[in-house]
N, C-alpha and C. Protein backbone atom coordinates (compact mmCIF):
# COMPACT_ATOMS: atom_id res chain seq x y z
N MET A 1 17.34 58.74 -16.73
CA MET A 1 16.63 58.44 -15.51
C MET A 1 15.75 59.63 -15.15
N ALA A 2 14.53 59.34 -14.75
CA ALA A 2 13.58 60.40 -14.43
C ALA A 2 13.98 61.10 -13.13
N PRO A 3 13.75 62.41 -13.05
CA PRO A 3 14.09 63.12 -11.82
C PRO A 3 13.20 62.67 -10.67
N ILE A 4 13.74 62.69 -9.50
CA ILE A 4 13.00 62.31 -8.30
C ILE A 4 12.58 63.58 -7.58
N PHE A 5 11.30 63.68 -7.30
CA PHE A 5 10.78 64.86 -6.62
C PHE A 5 10.61 64.55 -5.15
N THR A 6 11.18 65.35 -4.33
CA THR A 6 11.04 65.22 -2.88
C THR A 6 10.46 66.52 -2.35
N PRO A 7 9.99 66.51 -1.09
CA PRO A 7 9.43 67.76 -0.54
C PRO A 7 10.42 68.92 -0.56
N THR A 8 11.72 68.65 -0.51
CA THR A 8 12.70 69.74 -0.50
C THR A 8 13.33 69.97 -1.86
N SER A 9 12.85 69.25 -2.86
CA SER A 9 13.42 69.38 -4.20
C SER A 9 13.13 70.76 -4.77
N PRO A 10 14.12 71.39 -5.45
CA PRO A 10 13.86 72.70 -6.05
C PRO A 10 12.86 72.60 -7.19
N ASN A 11 12.65 71.39 -7.75
CA ASN A 11 11.72 71.22 -8.86
C ASN A 11 10.28 71.06 -8.38
N ARG A 12 10.09 70.92 -7.08
CA ARG A 12 8.74 70.72 -6.55
C ARG A 12 7.97 72.03 -6.69
N ARG A 13 6.75 71.86 -7.18
CA ARG A 13 5.91 73.05 -7.30
C ARG A 13 5.42 73.46 -5.93
N ASN A 14 5.60 74.72 -5.63
CA ASN A 14 5.06 75.23 -4.37
C ASN A 14 3.62 75.64 -4.62
N HIS A 15 2.75 74.97 -3.93
CA HIS A 15 1.33 75.24 -4.14
C HIS A 15 0.78 75.91 -2.89
N VAL A 16 0.22 77.04 -3.08
CA VAL A 16 -0.41 77.76 -1.97
C VAL A 16 -1.90 77.57 -2.11
N PRO A 17 -2.53 76.88 -1.14
CA PRO A 17 -3.96 76.61 -1.27
C PRO A 17 -4.80 77.86 -1.09
N LYS A 18 -5.84 77.91 -1.85
CA LYS A 18 -6.82 78.98 -1.71
C LYS A 18 -8.02 78.40 -0.99
N SER A 19 -8.80 79.24 -0.48
CA SER A 19 -9.99 78.79 0.24
C SER A 19 -10.87 77.98 -0.71
N GLY A 20 -11.23 76.73 -0.31
CA GLY A 20 -12.09 75.88 -1.13
C GLY A 20 -11.34 75.13 -2.21
N ASP A 21 -10.01 75.24 -2.27
CA ASP A 21 -9.22 74.54 -3.29
C ASP A 21 -9.18 73.05 -2.96
N LYS A 22 -9.73 72.19 -3.87
CA LYS A 22 -9.78 70.74 -3.63
C LYS A 22 -8.54 70.03 -4.15
N SER A 23 -7.60 70.74 -4.72
CA SER A 23 -6.40 70.10 -5.25
C SER A 23 -5.28 70.07 -4.22
N TYR A 24 -5.55 70.51 -3.01
CA TYR A 24 -4.52 70.60 -1.98
C TYR A 24 -4.59 69.38 -1.06
N ILE A 25 -3.44 68.76 -0.80
CA ILE A 25 -3.37 67.66 0.16
C ILE A 25 -2.53 68.13 1.32
N ASP A 26 -3.09 68.12 2.47
CA ASP A 26 -2.37 68.48 3.68
C ASP A 26 -1.76 67.20 4.23
N SER A 27 -0.44 67.04 4.10
CA SER A 27 0.21 65.79 4.50
C SER A 27 0.17 65.56 5.99
N ASP A 28 -0.06 66.61 6.78
CA ASP A 28 -0.12 66.44 8.22
C ASP A 28 -1.54 66.23 8.72
N ASN A 29 -2.51 66.58 7.90
CA ASN A 29 -3.89 66.49 8.32
C ASN A 29 -4.69 65.81 7.21
N PHE A 30 -4.99 64.52 7.41
CA PHE A 30 -5.70 63.77 6.38
C PHE A 30 -7.20 64.00 6.43
N SER A 31 -7.65 64.79 7.38
CA SER A 31 -9.08 65.08 7.43
C SER A 31 -9.44 66.25 6.54
N GLY A 32 -8.42 66.89 5.97
CA GLY A 32 -8.65 68.04 5.11
C GLY A 32 -9.11 67.63 3.73
N PRO A 33 -9.30 68.60 2.86
CA PRO A 33 -9.79 68.32 1.50
C PRO A 33 -8.75 67.53 0.70
N SER A 34 -9.22 66.74 -0.23
CA SER A 34 -8.37 65.92 -1.09
C SER A 34 -8.46 66.45 -2.51
N TRP A 35 -7.45 66.14 -3.31
CA TRP A 35 -7.46 66.61 -4.69
C TRP A 35 -8.34 65.76 -5.58
N ILE A 36 -8.83 64.59 -5.08
CA ILE A 36 -9.79 63.80 -5.85
C ILE A 36 -10.92 63.36 -4.93
N THR A 37 -12.04 63.08 -5.53
CA THR A 37 -13.18 62.59 -4.76
C THR A 37 -13.09 61.07 -4.65
N VAL A 38 -13.90 60.50 -3.79
CA VAL A 38 -13.94 59.04 -3.63
C VAL A 38 -14.36 58.38 -4.94
N GLU A 39 -15.32 58.98 -5.62
CA GLU A 39 -15.79 58.42 -6.89
C GLU A 39 -14.67 58.43 -7.93
N GLU A 40 -13.90 59.53 -7.98
CA GLU A 40 -12.78 59.60 -8.92
C GLU A 40 -11.71 58.56 -8.57
N PHE A 41 -11.46 58.39 -7.28
CA PHE A 41 -10.50 57.37 -6.85
C PHE A 41 -10.98 55.98 -7.26
N ASP A 42 -12.27 55.69 -7.04
CA ASP A 42 -12.84 54.41 -7.45
C ASP A 42 -12.65 54.18 -8.95
N ASP A 43 -12.94 55.19 -9.75
CA ASP A 43 -12.79 55.08 -11.20
C ASP A 43 -11.34 54.82 -11.59
N MET A 44 -10.41 55.53 -10.93
CA MET A 44 -8.99 55.33 -11.23
C MET A 44 -8.55 53.92 -10.84
N TRP A 45 -9.03 53.44 -9.70
CA TRP A 45 -8.65 52.10 -9.24
C TRP A 45 -9.17 51.04 -10.20
N VAL A 46 -10.43 51.16 -10.62
CA VAL A 46 -11.02 50.20 -11.56
C VAL A 46 -10.27 50.23 -12.89
N ALA A 47 -9.92 51.42 -13.37
CA ALA A 47 -9.18 51.53 -14.64
C ALA A 47 -7.81 50.86 -14.51
N GLY A 48 -7.13 51.07 -13.39
CA GLY A 48 -5.82 50.44 -13.19
C GLY A 48 -5.93 48.93 -13.09
N ALA A 49 -6.93 48.44 -12.37
CA ALA A 49 -7.11 47.00 -12.23
C ALA A 49 -7.47 46.37 -13.57
N THR A 50 -8.32 47.04 -14.34
CA THR A 50 -8.70 46.54 -15.66
C THR A 50 -7.48 46.45 -16.57
N ARG A 51 -6.63 47.45 -16.52
CA ARG A 51 -5.41 47.43 -17.34
C ARG A 51 -4.50 46.28 -16.92
N GLN A 52 -4.33 46.08 -15.61
CA GLN A 52 -3.49 44.98 -15.12
C GLN A 52 -4.03 43.64 -15.60
N LEU A 53 -5.35 43.46 -15.53
CA LEU A 53 -5.95 42.20 -15.98
C LEU A 53 -5.78 42.00 -17.47
N SER A 54 -5.80 43.10 -18.24
CA SER A 54 -5.63 42.97 -19.69
C SER A 54 -4.22 42.53 -20.05
N LEU A 55 -3.25 42.81 -19.18
CA LEU A 55 -1.87 42.42 -19.43
C LEU A 55 -1.59 40.97 -19.02
N ARG A 56 -2.46 40.40 -18.21
CA ARG A 56 -2.28 39.03 -17.74
C ARG A 56 -2.57 38.05 -18.88
N PRO A 57 -1.77 36.98 -19.01
CA PRO A 57 -2.06 36.01 -20.07
C PRO A 57 -3.42 35.35 -19.84
N LYS A 58 -4.11 35.09 -20.92
CA LYS A 58 -5.42 34.46 -20.82
C LYS A 58 -5.27 33.00 -20.42
N SER A 59 -6.13 32.55 -19.54
CA SER A 59 -6.14 31.14 -19.14
C SER A 59 -6.65 30.30 -20.31
N PRO A 60 -6.01 29.16 -20.56
CA PRO A 60 -6.51 28.31 -21.64
C PRO A 60 -7.85 27.67 -21.26
N SER A 61 -8.60 27.28 -22.26
CA SER A 61 -9.88 26.63 -22.02
C SER A 61 -9.63 25.25 -21.39
N PRO A 62 -10.64 24.68 -20.75
CA PRO A 62 -10.47 23.33 -20.18
C PRO A 62 -10.05 22.30 -21.24
N GLU A 63 -10.58 22.45 -22.45
CA GLU A 63 -10.21 21.52 -23.53
C GLU A 63 -8.73 21.67 -23.89
N GLU A 64 -8.27 22.93 -23.97
CA GLU A 64 -6.86 23.18 -24.29
C GLU A 64 -5.95 22.66 -23.18
N ARG A 65 -6.36 22.85 -21.94
CA ARG A 65 -5.55 22.34 -20.81
C ARG A 65 -5.46 20.82 -20.85
N MET A 66 -6.57 20.15 -21.16
CA MET A 66 -6.56 18.69 -21.25
C MET A 66 -5.66 18.23 -22.40
N LYS A 67 -5.72 18.93 -23.51
CA LYS A 67 -4.87 18.59 -24.66
C LYS A 67 -3.40 18.73 -24.29
N ARG A 68 -3.03 19.82 -23.63
CA ARG A 68 -1.65 20.03 -23.21
C ARG A 68 -1.19 18.95 -22.24
N LYS A 69 -2.08 18.59 -21.32
CA LYS A 69 -1.77 17.56 -20.33
C LYS A 69 -1.49 16.22 -21.03
N GLN A 70 -2.35 15.85 -21.98
CA GLN A 70 -2.16 14.60 -22.72
C GLN A 70 -0.87 14.63 -23.53
N GLU A 71 -0.53 15.77 -24.10
CA GLU A 71 0.73 15.89 -24.85
C GLU A 71 1.93 15.70 -23.94
N ARG A 72 1.88 16.27 -22.73
CA ARG A 72 2.98 16.09 -21.77
C ARG A 72 3.10 14.63 -21.36
N TYR A 73 1.97 13.99 -21.10
CA TYR A 73 1.99 12.57 -20.75
C TYR A 73 2.63 11.75 -21.87
N HIS A 74 2.21 12.03 -23.11
CA HIS A 74 2.72 11.28 -24.26
C HIS A 74 4.22 11.50 -24.42
N LYS A 75 4.68 12.74 -24.25
CA LYS A 75 6.12 13.01 -24.35
C LYS A 75 6.89 12.25 -23.28
N GLY A 76 6.33 12.15 -22.07
CA GLY A 76 6.97 11.38 -21.01
C GLY A 76 7.10 9.91 -21.38
N LEU A 77 6.05 9.35 -22.01
CA LEU A 77 6.12 7.95 -22.44
C LEU A 77 7.14 7.75 -23.56
N ILE A 78 7.24 8.72 -24.46
CA ILE A 78 8.25 8.64 -25.52
C ILE A 78 9.64 8.64 -24.92
N ILE A 79 9.87 9.50 -23.93
CA ILE A 79 11.18 9.54 -23.25
C ILE A 79 11.45 8.19 -22.58
N ALA A 80 10.44 7.62 -21.92
CA ALA A 80 10.60 6.32 -21.26
C ALA A 80 10.93 5.24 -22.28
N LEU A 81 10.21 5.20 -23.40
CA LEU A 81 10.46 4.18 -24.42
C LEU A 81 11.83 4.37 -25.06
N ASN A 82 12.22 5.61 -25.32
CA ASN A 82 13.56 5.87 -25.87
C ASN A 82 14.65 5.43 -24.90
N THR A 83 14.41 5.61 -23.60
CA THR A 83 15.36 5.15 -22.58
C THR A 83 15.47 3.63 -22.62
N TYR A 84 14.33 2.95 -22.78
CA TYR A 84 14.34 1.48 -22.88
C TYR A 84 15.14 1.02 -24.10
N THR A 85 14.90 1.65 -25.26
CA THR A 85 15.62 1.23 -26.47
C THR A 85 17.11 1.48 -26.33
N LYS A 86 17.48 2.59 -25.73
CA LYS A 86 18.90 2.91 -25.55
C LYS A 86 19.57 1.90 -24.61
N ARG A 87 18.90 1.56 -23.51
CA ARG A 87 19.46 0.60 -22.55
C ARG A 87 19.58 -0.80 -23.13
N ASN A 88 18.74 -1.11 -24.12
CA ASN A 88 18.75 -2.43 -24.74
C ASN A 88 19.40 -2.42 -26.11
N MET A 89 20.15 -1.36 -26.41
CA MET A 89 20.90 -1.20 -27.65
C MET A 89 20.05 -1.47 -28.89
N MET A 90 18.90 -0.83 -28.92
CA MET A 90 17.98 -0.93 -30.06
C MET A 90 17.94 0.42 -30.76
N GLN A 91 17.43 0.43 -31.96
CA GLN A 91 17.21 1.67 -32.70
C GLN A 91 15.90 2.29 -32.24
N LEU A 92 15.85 3.61 -32.21
CA LEU A 92 14.64 4.31 -31.76
C LEU A 92 13.42 3.97 -32.61
N ASN A 93 13.64 3.71 -33.90
CA ASN A 93 12.50 3.46 -34.80
C ASN A 93 12.00 2.02 -34.75
N GLU A 94 12.59 1.17 -33.90
CA GLU A 94 12.15 -0.22 -33.81
C GLU A 94 10.85 -0.36 -33.02
N LEU A 95 10.56 0.59 -32.17
CA LEU A 95 9.35 0.54 -31.34
C LEU A 95 8.56 1.84 -31.48
N GLU A 96 7.24 1.70 -31.43
CA GLU A 96 6.37 2.87 -31.56
C GLU A 96 5.21 2.75 -30.57
N ILE A 97 4.91 3.84 -29.89
CA ILE A 97 3.78 3.84 -28.95
C ILE A 97 2.47 3.87 -29.72
N VAL A 98 1.59 2.94 -29.38
CA VAL A 98 0.28 2.87 -30.01
C VAL A 98 -0.74 3.67 -29.19
N GLU A 99 -0.82 3.36 -27.89
CA GLU A 99 -1.73 4.10 -27.01
C GLU A 99 -1.39 3.86 -25.55
N GLU A 100 -1.76 4.84 -24.73
CA GLU A 100 -1.61 4.68 -23.28
C GLU A 100 -2.86 4.00 -22.76
N LYS A 101 -2.67 3.00 -21.91
CA LYS A 101 -3.80 2.24 -21.36
C LYS A 101 -4.23 2.76 -19.99
N GLY A 102 -3.30 3.31 -19.22
CA GLY A 102 -3.65 3.83 -17.90
C GLY A 102 -2.43 4.39 -17.20
N ARG A 103 -2.71 5.20 -16.17
CA ARG A 103 -1.63 5.80 -15.38
C ARG A 103 -2.14 6.06 -13.97
N ASN A 104 -1.19 6.15 -13.03
CA ASN A 104 -1.53 6.43 -11.65
C ASN A 104 -0.31 7.03 -10.96
N GLN A 105 -0.54 8.01 -10.11
CA GLN A 105 0.54 8.62 -9.34
C GLN A 105 0.62 7.95 -7.97
N VAL A 106 1.83 7.51 -7.60
CA VAL A 106 2.02 6.78 -6.34
C VAL A 106 3.19 7.36 -5.56
N ASP A 107 3.24 7.00 -4.27
CA ASP A 107 4.31 7.43 -3.38
C ASP A 107 5.32 6.30 -3.24
N GLY A 108 6.57 6.69 -3.04
CA GLY A 108 7.60 5.69 -2.80
C GLY A 108 8.87 6.33 -2.32
N SER A 109 9.36 5.91 -1.19
CA SER A 109 10.62 6.43 -0.63
C SER A 109 10.62 7.95 -0.52
N GLY A 110 9.49 8.51 -0.16
CA GLY A 110 9.40 9.96 0.03
C GLY A 110 9.31 10.77 -1.24
N ALA A 111 9.11 10.12 -2.37
CA ALA A 111 8.99 10.84 -3.65
C ALA A 111 7.72 10.37 -4.36
N LEU A 112 7.31 11.14 -5.36
CA LEU A 112 6.15 10.77 -6.18
C LEU A 112 6.63 10.16 -7.48
N TYR A 113 5.89 9.16 -7.94
CA TYR A 113 6.18 8.49 -9.21
C TYR A 113 4.88 8.31 -9.97
N VAL A 114 5.00 8.12 -11.27
CA VAL A 114 3.85 7.83 -12.11
C VAL A 114 4.04 6.44 -12.69
N HIS A 115 3.04 5.58 -12.51
CA HIS A 115 3.04 4.25 -13.11
C HIS A 115 2.15 4.31 -14.35
N SER A 116 2.65 3.80 -15.46
CA SER A 116 1.90 3.83 -16.72
C SER A 116 1.96 2.49 -17.41
N ASN A 117 0.88 2.12 -18.06
CA ASN A 117 0.84 1.00 -19.00
C ASN A 117 0.54 1.57 -20.36
N PHE A 118 1.24 1.07 -21.38
CA PHE A 118 1.00 1.54 -22.73
C PHE A 118 1.35 0.44 -23.72
N LEU A 119 0.64 0.45 -24.85
CA LEU A 119 0.89 -0.53 -25.90
C LEU A 119 1.96 -0.01 -26.84
N VAL A 120 2.89 -0.91 -27.19
CA VAL A 120 4.00 -0.57 -28.08
C VAL A 120 3.99 -1.55 -29.25
N LYS A 121 4.17 -1.01 -30.45
CA LYS A 121 4.21 -1.84 -31.66
C LYS A 121 5.65 -1.96 -32.14
N GLY A 122 6.06 -3.19 -32.44
CA GLY A 122 7.40 -3.43 -32.96
C GLY A 122 7.40 -3.39 -34.48
N LEU A 123 8.57 -3.60 -35.08
CA LEU A 123 8.69 -3.59 -36.53
C LEU A 123 7.86 -4.69 -37.18
N ASP A 124 7.64 -5.80 -36.45
CA ASP A 124 6.84 -6.91 -36.98
C ASP A 124 5.34 -6.65 -36.89
N GLY A 125 4.93 -5.53 -36.31
CA GLY A 125 3.52 -5.18 -36.19
C GLY A 125 2.86 -5.72 -34.94
N LYS A 126 3.58 -6.53 -34.17
CA LYS A 126 3.03 -7.11 -32.94
C LYS A 126 3.04 -6.06 -31.83
N THR A 127 1.94 -6.03 -31.06
CA THR A 127 1.87 -5.08 -29.94
C THR A 127 2.20 -5.78 -28.63
N THR A 128 2.86 -5.03 -27.75
CA THR A 128 3.27 -5.52 -26.44
C THR A 128 2.89 -4.48 -25.40
N LEU A 129 2.40 -4.95 -24.25
CA LEU A 129 2.07 -4.05 -23.15
C LEU A 129 3.35 -3.73 -22.38
N PHE A 130 3.61 -2.44 -22.18
CA PHE A 130 4.79 -1.97 -21.45
C PHE A 130 4.36 -1.34 -20.13
N PHE A 131 5.30 -1.32 -19.19
CA PHE A 131 5.15 -0.62 -17.92
C PHE A 131 6.26 0.41 -17.83
N ALA A 132 5.93 1.60 -17.31
CA ALA A 132 6.96 2.62 -17.06
C ALA A 132 6.70 3.26 -15.71
N GLU A 133 7.78 3.51 -14.98
CA GLU A 133 7.70 4.32 -13.77
C GLU A 133 8.59 5.53 -14.01
N THR A 134 8.00 6.71 -13.90
CA THR A 134 8.73 7.95 -14.14
C THR A 134 8.42 8.94 -13.02
N HIS A 135 9.19 10.01 -12.98
CA HIS A 135 8.85 11.12 -12.10
C HIS A 135 7.68 11.87 -12.75
N PRO A 136 6.84 12.56 -11.96
CA PRO A 136 5.65 13.20 -12.52
C PRO A 136 5.91 14.14 -13.70
N GLU A 137 6.98 14.90 -13.66
CA GLU A 137 7.30 15.79 -14.79
C GLU A 137 8.47 15.17 -15.55
N CYS A 138 8.20 14.14 -16.32
CA CYS A 138 9.24 13.42 -17.06
C CYS A 138 9.65 14.21 -18.30
N THR A 139 10.85 14.79 -18.26
CA THR A 139 11.34 15.60 -19.38
C THR A 139 12.70 15.12 -19.90
N GLN A 140 13.32 14.15 -19.21
CA GLN A 140 14.64 13.66 -19.62
C GLN A 140 14.82 12.22 -19.15
N GLU A 141 15.85 11.56 -19.67
CA GLU A 141 16.10 10.15 -19.34
C GLU A 141 16.24 9.92 -17.84
N GLU A 142 16.83 10.87 -17.13
CA GLU A 142 17.04 10.71 -15.69
C GLU A 142 15.72 10.63 -14.91
N ASP A 143 14.62 11.03 -15.53
CA ASP A 143 13.32 10.97 -14.87
C ASP A 143 12.65 9.60 -15.01
N VAL A 144 13.28 8.70 -15.76
CA VAL A 144 12.73 7.36 -15.98
C VAL A 144 13.39 6.39 -15.00
N VAL A 145 12.58 5.76 -14.14
CA VAL A 145 13.10 4.77 -13.20
C VAL A 145 13.19 3.42 -13.90
N VAL A 146 12.09 3.01 -14.52
CA VAL A 146 12.07 1.74 -15.23
C VAL A 146 11.08 1.84 -16.39
N CYS A 147 11.41 1.17 -17.47
CA CYS A 147 10.50 1.01 -18.60
C CYS A 147 10.80 -0.37 -19.17
N ALA A 148 9.78 -1.22 -19.22
CA ALA A 148 10.01 -2.60 -19.65
C ALA A 148 8.72 -3.22 -20.18
N PRO A 149 8.87 -4.19 -21.10
CA PRO A 149 7.69 -4.93 -21.55
C PRO A 149 7.22 -5.86 -20.43
N LEU A 150 5.93 -6.12 -20.40
CA LEU A 150 5.36 -7.00 -19.38
C LEU A 150 5.17 -8.40 -19.94
N GLU A 151 5.50 -9.37 -19.12
CA GLU A 151 5.26 -10.76 -19.51
C GLU A 151 3.79 -11.08 -19.24
N GLU A 152 3.17 -11.76 -20.17
CA GLU A 152 1.76 -12.06 -20.03
C GLU A 152 1.50 -12.96 -18.82
N ASN A 153 0.49 -12.61 -18.04
CA ASN A 153 0.05 -13.37 -16.87
C ASN A 153 1.11 -13.51 -15.78
N SER A 154 2.08 -12.62 -15.74
CA SER A 154 3.09 -12.64 -14.68
C SER A 154 3.31 -11.20 -14.23
N TYR A 155 2.50 -10.77 -13.28
CA TYR A 155 2.51 -9.37 -12.89
C TYR A 155 2.90 -9.21 -11.42
N GLY A 156 3.53 -8.08 -11.12
CA GLY A 156 3.92 -7.75 -9.76
C GLY A 156 2.81 -7.01 -9.03
N HIS A 157 3.05 -6.72 -7.77
CA HIS A 157 2.05 -6.06 -6.93
C HIS A 157 2.48 -4.63 -6.62
N CYS A 158 1.49 -3.75 -6.50
CA CYS A 158 1.75 -2.35 -6.16
C CYS A 158 0.65 -1.85 -5.24
N PHE A 159 1.03 -1.51 -4.00
CA PHE A 159 0.04 -0.98 -3.06
C PHE A 159 -0.54 0.34 -3.57
N GLY A 160 0.28 1.14 -4.22
CA GLY A 160 -0.16 2.45 -4.68
C GLY A 160 -1.23 2.39 -5.75
N CYS A 161 -1.26 1.31 -6.53
CA CYS A 161 -2.25 1.19 -7.60
C CYS A 161 -3.43 0.30 -7.21
N ASP A 162 -3.34 -0.37 -6.05
CA ASP A 162 -4.42 -1.27 -5.62
C ASP A 162 -5.77 -0.59 -5.56
N ASP A 163 -5.81 0.60 -5.02
CA ASP A 163 -7.08 1.26 -4.76
C ASP A 163 -7.59 2.06 -5.96
N ARG A 164 -6.71 2.81 -6.60
CA ARG A 164 -7.16 3.74 -7.64
C ARG A 164 -6.97 3.24 -9.06
N ALA A 165 -6.09 2.26 -9.26
CA ALA A 165 -5.79 1.83 -10.64
C ALA A 165 -5.50 0.34 -10.67
N LYS A 166 -6.48 -0.46 -10.28
CA LYS A 166 -6.29 -1.91 -10.21
C LYS A 166 -5.97 -2.52 -11.56
N GLU A 167 -6.37 -1.86 -12.63
CA GLU A 167 -6.15 -2.41 -13.97
C GLU A 167 -4.69 -2.28 -14.42
N LEU A 168 -3.90 -1.45 -13.73
CA LEU A 168 -2.49 -1.28 -14.12
C LEU A 168 -1.70 -2.53 -13.80
N LYS A 169 -0.89 -2.96 -14.75
CA LYS A 169 -0.03 -4.13 -14.58
C LYS A 169 1.39 -3.66 -14.27
N HIS A 170 2.09 -4.45 -13.44
CA HIS A 170 3.45 -4.13 -13.01
C HIS A 170 4.37 -5.31 -13.29
N PRO A 171 5.66 -5.05 -13.51
CA PRO A 171 6.58 -6.17 -13.76
C PRO A 171 6.70 -7.08 -12.54
N SER A 172 6.72 -8.38 -12.78
CA SER A 172 6.83 -9.33 -11.66
C SER A 172 8.21 -9.27 -11.03
N GLY A 173 9.21 -8.84 -11.78
CA GLY A 173 10.57 -8.75 -11.25
C GLY A 173 10.85 -7.48 -10.47
N GLY A 174 9.86 -6.63 -10.31
CA GLY A 174 10.05 -5.38 -9.57
C GLY A 174 10.81 -4.35 -10.40
N GLY A 175 11.71 -3.63 -9.73
CA GLY A 175 12.48 -2.59 -10.41
C GLY A 175 11.88 -1.21 -10.25
N TYR A 176 10.66 -1.14 -9.77
CA TYR A 176 10.01 0.16 -9.56
C TYR A 176 10.09 0.54 -8.09
N LEU A 177 10.07 1.83 -7.81
CA LEU A 177 10.25 2.34 -6.45
C LEU A 177 8.95 2.75 -5.78
N GLY A 178 7.99 3.18 -6.55
CA GLY A 178 6.73 3.66 -6.00
C GLY A 178 5.76 2.54 -5.73
N GLY A 179 4.91 2.73 -4.72
CA GLY A 179 3.84 1.79 -4.44
C GLY A 179 4.25 0.55 -3.69
N LEU A 180 5.46 0.52 -3.16
CA LEU A 180 5.92 -0.67 -2.45
C LEU A 180 5.40 -0.71 -1.02
N ASP A 181 5.05 0.45 -0.48
CA ASP A 181 4.51 0.54 0.88
C ASP A 181 3.04 0.92 0.80
N GLU A 182 2.30 0.47 1.78
CA GLU A 182 0.88 0.81 1.83
C GLU A 182 0.74 2.26 2.28
N VAL A 183 0.01 3.04 1.50
CA VAL A 183 -0.22 4.45 1.78
C VAL A 183 -1.71 4.65 1.98
N PHE A 184 -2.08 5.45 2.98
CA PHE A 184 -3.49 5.59 3.32
C PHE A 184 -4.11 6.89 2.82
N PHE A 185 -3.43 7.60 1.96
CA PHE A 185 -4.02 8.79 1.35
C PHE A 185 -3.66 8.80 -0.12
N HIS A 186 -4.42 9.57 -0.89
CA HIS A 186 -4.27 9.57 -2.34
C HIS A 186 -3.59 10.85 -2.81
N PHE A 187 -3.00 10.74 -3.98
CA PHE A 187 -2.38 11.89 -4.62
C PHE A 187 -3.20 12.28 -5.83
N ASP A 188 -3.40 13.57 -6.00
CA ASP A 188 -4.06 14.05 -7.21
C ASP A 188 -3.00 14.33 -8.25
N ASP A 189 -3.37 14.11 -9.50
CA ASP A 189 -2.46 14.46 -10.58
C ASP A 189 -2.26 15.95 -10.57
N LEU A 190 -1.02 16.38 -10.54
CA LEU A 190 -0.71 17.80 -10.60
C LEU A 190 -0.49 18.18 -12.05
N ASP A 191 -0.93 19.33 -12.40
CA ASP A 191 -0.79 19.80 -13.76
C ASP A 191 -0.10 21.15 -13.75
N SER A 192 0.94 21.28 -14.55
CA SER A 192 1.68 22.54 -14.53
C SER A 192 0.83 23.70 -15.03
N ASP A 193 -0.18 23.42 -15.86
CA ASP A 193 -1.08 24.50 -16.28
C ASP A 193 -1.85 25.06 -15.10
N ASP A 194 -2.18 24.21 -14.13
CA ASP A 194 -2.88 24.69 -12.94
C ASP A 194 -2.04 25.72 -12.20
N ASP A 195 -0.74 25.46 -12.09
CA ASP A 195 0.15 26.37 -11.38
C ASP A 195 0.33 27.69 -12.12
N CYS A 196 0.38 27.63 -13.44
CA CYS A 196 0.70 28.82 -14.22
C CYS A 196 -0.43 29.84 -14.25
N PHE A 197 -1.66 29.38 -14.18
CA PHE A 197 -2.77 30.30 -14.44
C PHE A 197 -3.69 30.50 -13.25
N LEU A 198 -3.22 30.21 -12.04
CA LEU A 198 -4.06 30.45 -10.87
C LEU A 198 -3.88 31.85 -10.36
């Protein structure tokens, strides 16, 4: 451990100022001469700030941030589909995500949810449109509220998607928690990259 120097420490150098000595700091009188000039202080401050900035992680490019965001969305859909297969006693390899068709963040019961539509291909090669409601940061099965295939021409209603995502389809039997009440303000998609690099 490094020694601590205090005004009464025996290791403190006793400095006796000479007339015109600029290295002396009078702790009781700040109007006296300083051991550095304002320009030297400015240079030291800029050097310290530059060093601190060099240690900060670089922010990813907008393209990299979008790629990361899409990867997180896709992982959330995989978790939702795996939850569906597990609940329906199917093998994980029986269904495969083809593409996401749309998503929207909605409010429900004081929490935020994400509604998603995505195409899923079965072993027979036939594609089916699925609906999933998850928590915004879907990282585990507990974050999946519902994931189910949609019946053609039999869709449910969602106030949360009416305004911003009319193309999203919902199960006619319900089962989802978000968007059941009319909300008069919108939610922006939050991105964890935004939080990390601000």
